[in-house]
Protein backbone atom coordinates (compact mmCIF):
# COMPACT_ATOMS: atom_id res chain seq x y z
CA MET A 1 0.00 0.00 0.00
CA TYR A 2 2.83 2.35 0.89
CA GLN A 3 4.48 1.69 -2.48
CA ILE A 4 1.26 2.50 -4.35
CA MET A 5 0.82 5.77 -2.43
CA ARG A 6 4.44 6.72 -3.08
CA ASP A 7 4.00 6.08 -6.83
CA ILE A 8 0.88 8.26 -6.86
CA ALA A 9 2.71 11.03 -5.03
CA CYS A 10 5.66 10.90 -7.45
CA ARG A 11 3.56 10.81 -10.58
CA PRO A 12 2.67 14.56 -10.54
CA TRP A 13 6.36 15.43 -10.40
CA GLN A 14 7.04 13.17 -13.36
CA THR A 15 4.22 14.84 -15.27
CA LEU A 16 5.60 18.27 -14.37
CA LEU A 17 9.10 17.35 -15.54
CA LEU A 18 7.90 15.94 -18.85
CA SER A 19 5.69 18.97 -19.44
CA LEU A 20 8.56 21.39 -18.79
CA LEU A 21 10.88 19.46 -21.09
CA PHE A 22 8.28 19.51 -23.84
CA CYS A 23 7.80 23.27 -23.40
CA LEU A 24 11.51 23.94 -23.60
CA GLN A 25 11.86 21.87 -26.76
CA VAL A 26 8.94 23.43 -28.62
CA PHE A 27 9.03 27.05 -27.50
CA VAL A 28 12.64 27.68 -26.52
CA LEU A 29 14.81 25.34 -28.55
CA GLY A 30 12.47 25.16 -31.52
CA ALA A 31 12.94 22.85 -34.45
CA SER A 32 16.30 21.19 -34.97
CA PRO A 33 18.46 23.18 -37.41
CA ALA A 34 19.21 21.70 -40.76
CA ALA A 35 22.60 20.08 -41.05
CA ALA A 36 25.37 22.29 -42.36
CA THR A 37 26.72 21.70 -45.85
CA SER A 38 30.09 20.01 -45.49
CA LEU A 39 32.92 20.41 -47.96
CA TYR A 40 33.10 16.62 -48.18
CA GLU A 41 29.47 16.41 -49.26
CA MET A 42 30.11 18.52 -52.36
CA PRO A 43 30.44 16.71 -55.69
CA SER A 44 33.92 16.13 -57.07
CA LEU A 45 34.56 18.45 -60.00
CA ALA A 46 37.61 19.42 -62.00
CA ALA A 47 38.64 21.91 -64.65
CA GLY A 48 36.77 21.14 -67.84
CA SER A 49 33.83 19.52 -66.07
CA SER A 50 30.43 19.94 -67.73
CA THR A 51 28.82 20.83 -64.38
CA TRP A 52 28.42 24.59 -64.01
CA VAL A 53 25.79 24.95 -61.29
CA VAL A 54 25.71 23.10 -57.94
CA ASP A 55 22.51 24.07 -56.10
CA GLU A 56 22.93 22.41 -52.70
CA GLY A 57 20.78 25.18 -51.18
CA GLU A 58 17.91 24.18 -53.50
CA VAL A 59 16.91 27.75 -54.36
CA LEU A 60 17.23 27.71 -58.15
CA SER A 61 14.61 26.50 -60.60
CA ARG A 62 15.46 23.92 -63.26
CA LEU A 63 14.88 26.53 -65.93
CA THR A 64 17.39 28.89 -64.30
CA GLU A 65 19.94 26.11 -63.87
CA GLY A 66 19.57 25.22 -67.53
CA ASN A 67 19.98 28.82 -68.69
CA LEU A 68 23.01 29.37 -66.46
CA SER A 69 24.66 26.12 -67.57
CA GLU A 70 24.17 26.94 -71.24
CA GLN A 71 25.55 30.46 -70.80
CA LEU A 72 28.61 29.36 -68.81
CA SER A 73 29.30 26.47 -71.16
CA GLN A 74 29.38 28.87 -74.13
CA LEU A 75 31.71 31.16 -72.19
CA ALA A 76 34.14 28.29 -71.60
CA ASP A 77 34.02 27.23 -75.25
CA THR A 78 34.71 30.72 -76.62
CA THR A 79 37.13 32.12 -74.04
CA GLY A 80 38.48 29.23 -71.97
CA GLN A 81 37.24 30.99 -68.83
CA GLU A 82 35.24 28.71 -66.55
CA VAL A 83 32.73 30.02 -64.00
CA ARG A 84 30.89 27.77 -61.57
CA LEU A 85 28.02 28.82 -59.32
CA VAL A 86 27.34 27.10 -55.99
CA THR A 87 24.66 27.48 -53.35
CA ILE A 88 24.93 25.87 -49.93
CA HIS A 89 22.57 25.76 -46.96
CA ARG A 90 24.27 26.64 -43.68
CA LEU A 91 27.96 26.64 -42.86
CA ASP A 92 29.78 24.56 -40.26
CA TYR A 93 30.51 26.34 -36.96
CA GLY A 94 33.47 28.71 -37.37
CA GLU A 95 33.34 28.54 -41.16
CA THR A 96 32.70 31.59 -43.33
CA VAL A 97 31.52 31.64 -46.92
CA GLU A 98 34.95 33.01 -47.89
CA THR A 99 36.87 30.16 -46.25
CA PHE A 100 34.41 27.61 -47.64
CA ALA A 101 34.78 29.01 -51.17
CA GLU A 102 38.57 28.97 -50.89
CA LYS A 103 38.65 25.36 -49.67
CA LEU A 104 36.19 24.24 -52.35
CA PHE A 105 38.23 26.06 -55.02
CA GLU A 106 41.40 24.28 -53.94
CA SER A 107 39.58 20.95 -53.70
CA TRP A 108 38.22 21.20 -57.24
CA TYR A 109 41.37 22.75 -58.73
CA PRO A 110 44.34 21.50 -56.69
CA THR A 111 47.11 22.81 -58.97
CA ALA A 112 48.08 26.28 -60.14
CA ASP A 113 47.52 25.30 -63.78
CA ALA A 114 44.01 24.04 -63.03
CA GLN A 115 43.14 27.18 -61.05
CA THR A 116 44.38 29.83 -63.44
CA ASN A 117 41.24 30.33 -65.56
CA GLN A 118 38.63 29.45 -62.94
CA ALA A 119 36.02 31.50 -61.07
CA LEU A 120 33.88 30.09 -58.26
CA LEU A 121 30.89 31.98 -56.84
CA VAL A 122 29.46 30.53 -53.60
CA LEU A 123 26.33 31.68 -51.75
CA ASP A 124 25.15 30.57 -48.30
CA THR A 125 21.34 30.69 -48.46
CA VAL A 126 20.93 30.97 -44.67
CA THR A 127 22.88 34.22 -44.28
CA ASN A 128 22.85 35.31 -47.96
CA ASN A 129 26.58 35.89 -47.69
CA ALA A 130 28.58 35.16 -50.83
CA ALA A 131 32.18 34.95 -52.01
CA LEU A 132 33.82 34.92 -55.44
CA HIS A 133 37.17 33.13 -55.75
CA THR A 134 39.25 33.40 -58.94
CA GLY A 135 42.44 32.06 -60.45
CA VAL A 136 45.38 34.16 -61.60
CA GLU A 137 44.40 34.51 -65.26
CA THR A 138 40.77 35.18 -64.44
CA LYS A 139 41.74 37.78 -61.83
CA SER A 140 43.70 39.72 -64.46
CA ILE A 141 40.41 40.15 -66.35
CA LEU A 142 38.18 40.33 -63.28
CA PRO A 143 40.11 42.33 -60.65
CA ASP A 144 39.19 42.21 -56.97
CA ASP A 145 37.21 45.46 -56.92
CA LEU A 146 35.04 44.29 -59.82
CA ALA A 147 34.61 40.84 -58.25
CA THR A 148 33.52 42.52 -55.01
CA SER A 149 30.99 44.59 -56.93
CA VAL A 150 29.56 41.48 -58.60
CA VAL A 151 29.00 39.88 -55.19
CA SER A 152 27.93 42.84 -53.07
CA GLU A 153 25.86 44.68 -55.70
CA THR A 154 24.86 42.56 -58.69
CA LEU A 155 24.17 39.35 -56.78
CA MET A 156 22.80 40.97 -53.64
CA ALA A 157 20.34 43.45 -55.17
CA PRO A 158 17.67 40.82 -56.02
CA LEU A 159 18.30 39.04 -52.70
CA ARG A 160 17.58 42.21 -50.75
CA ASP A 161 14.41 42.55 -52.80
CA GLY A 162 12.65 39.45 -51.55
CA ASN A 163 15.30 36.71 -51.84
CA ARG A 164 14.95 36.43 -55.62
CA TYR A 165 17.68 33.82 -56.02
CA ASN A 166 17.01 33.00 -59.65
CA GLN A 167 17.26 36.63 -60.70
CA ALA A 168 20.34 37.16 -58.53
CA PHE A 169 22.33 34.40 -60.24
CA LEU A 170 21.12 35.29 -63.71
CA ASP A 171 22.25 38.90 -63.18
CA ALA A 172 25.59 37.85 -61.70
CA SER A 173 26.21 35.40 -64.54
CA ASP A 174 25.35 38.02 -67.18
CA ARG A 175 27.88 40.44 -65.73
CA LEU A 176 30.61 37.82 -65.28
CA VAL A 177 30.15 36.52 -68.83
CA ALA A 178 30.28 40.04 -70.28
CA VAL A 179 33.48 40.96 -68.46
CA LEU A 180 35.25 37.63 -69.06
CA SER A 181 34.29 37.79 -72.74
CA GLY A 182 36.11 41.11 -73.08
CA GLU A 183 32.94 43.17 -73.38
CA PRO A 184 32.39 46.44 -71.45
CA ASP A 185 31.35 45.94 -67.83
CA PRO A 186 27.57 46.51 -67.66
CA GLY A 187 28.02 47.57 -64.06
CA PRO A 188 25.81 46.88 -61.05
CA PRO A 189 22.04 47.23 -61.29
CA GLU A 190 20.48 50.58 -60.58
CA ILE A 191 18.82 50.64 -57.18
CA VAL A 192 15.48 52.44 -57.22
CA VAL A 193 14.62 53.82 -53.81
CA THR A 194 10.88 54.04 -53.15
CA GLU A 195 9.14 55.48 -50.14
CA GLN A 196 7.32 52.87 -48.14
CA ALA A 197 4.25 53.44 -46.03
CA GLU A 198 4.62 52.75 -42.33
CA SER A 199 4.36 49.03 -41.80
CA THR A 200 1.48 47.69 -39.73
CA PHE A 201 3.21 44.35 -39.26
CA ALA A 202 5.11 43.48 -36.12
CA SER A 203 8.88 43.86 -36.28
CA ARG A 204 11.21 40.96 -35.62
CA GLU A 205 11.94 42.29 -32.13
CA GLU A 206 8.23 42.60 -31.38
CA THR A 207 7.62 39.08 -32.66
CA GLU A 208 10.40 37.67 -30.48
CA GLU A 209 9.05 39.55 -27.45
CA SER A 210 5.55 38.22 -28.10
CA LYS A 211 6.93 34.71 -28.48
CA GLY A 212 8.70 35.04 -25.12
CA ILE A 213 5.50 36.18 -23.39
CA SER A 214 3.55 33.33 -24.98
CA THR A 215 6.15 30.85 -23.77
CA ILE A 216 5.84 32.16 -20.19
CA TRP A 217 2.05 31.85 -20.34
CA VAL A 218 2.23 28.29 -21.66
CA ILE A 219 4.73 27.24 -18.98
CA GLY A 220 2.60 28.91 -16.33
CA LEU A 221 -0.55 27.12 -17.47
CA LEU A 222 1.28 23.79 -17.53
CA LEU A 223 2.56 24.39 -14.02
CA ALA A 224 -0.91 25.30 -12.84
CA ALA A 225 -2.45 22.27 -14.53
CA THR A 226 0.07 20.04 -12.77
CA ILE A 227 0.44 21.64 -9.35
CA ILE A 228 -3.25 22.34 -8.64
CA PRO A 229 -4.34 18.65 -8.93
CA MET A 230 -1.32 17.63 -6.88
CA ALA A 231 -2.09 20.18 -4.16
CA THR A 232 -5.73 19.10 -4.15
CA TYR A 233 -4.66 15.49 -3.74
CA TYR A 234 -2.50 16.28 -0.71
CA PHE A 235 -5.21 18.52 0.72
CA TYR A 236 -7.74 15.70 0.70
CA GLN A 237 -5.14 13.28 2.00
CA GLY A 238 -4.65 15.52 5.00
CA PHE A 239 -8.31 15.32 5.90
CA SER A 240 -8.71 11.60 5.26
């Protein structure tokens, strides 16, 4: 009899513990993050490969991939300059898109001869940070300041305007192909600034604050739902 009563008395605490763990998982920890894209998970490519687009971030349509591949293939055939476009989803801890791009560049093109006419544009779709790595010959045509402009202006403009990944890569490819083909640099896109009416939607900070308050309410209700029956049980036990 004593064992049964002890099990009954312990059960509310078990319920409370499980409820709190569930709350923490759902409202505090949230869903498990997607696994980072590892360098070793990338396909093995080499100079002269017929693969021009590697969309590990899964943000490009098949039509866009086809158009980009055709354009970059023609560039390689006419100029010998090879450009490859890569999207990834999330970086390993401590990794940056610049270090990832550099390691991938050296993995795909391990020798100086293989690297000389190569350009590799990498975008992390979680942060929308990008890097453009080039070989020696390509850099003589596409200097660092122009490469920076391609990344920070041409590629980023459509991303700032609603994460339009397809348009971003099409624009970046157009500019890279023009420059590497010896044509005049078309330059970055013109940014049209429009006045926006005051937003009636909650800001990110307001949303996070509301989420925190909701979490407190849920935890409080779970505590009440667990403690009140337990207190009632002990109350009646005291009078029995």
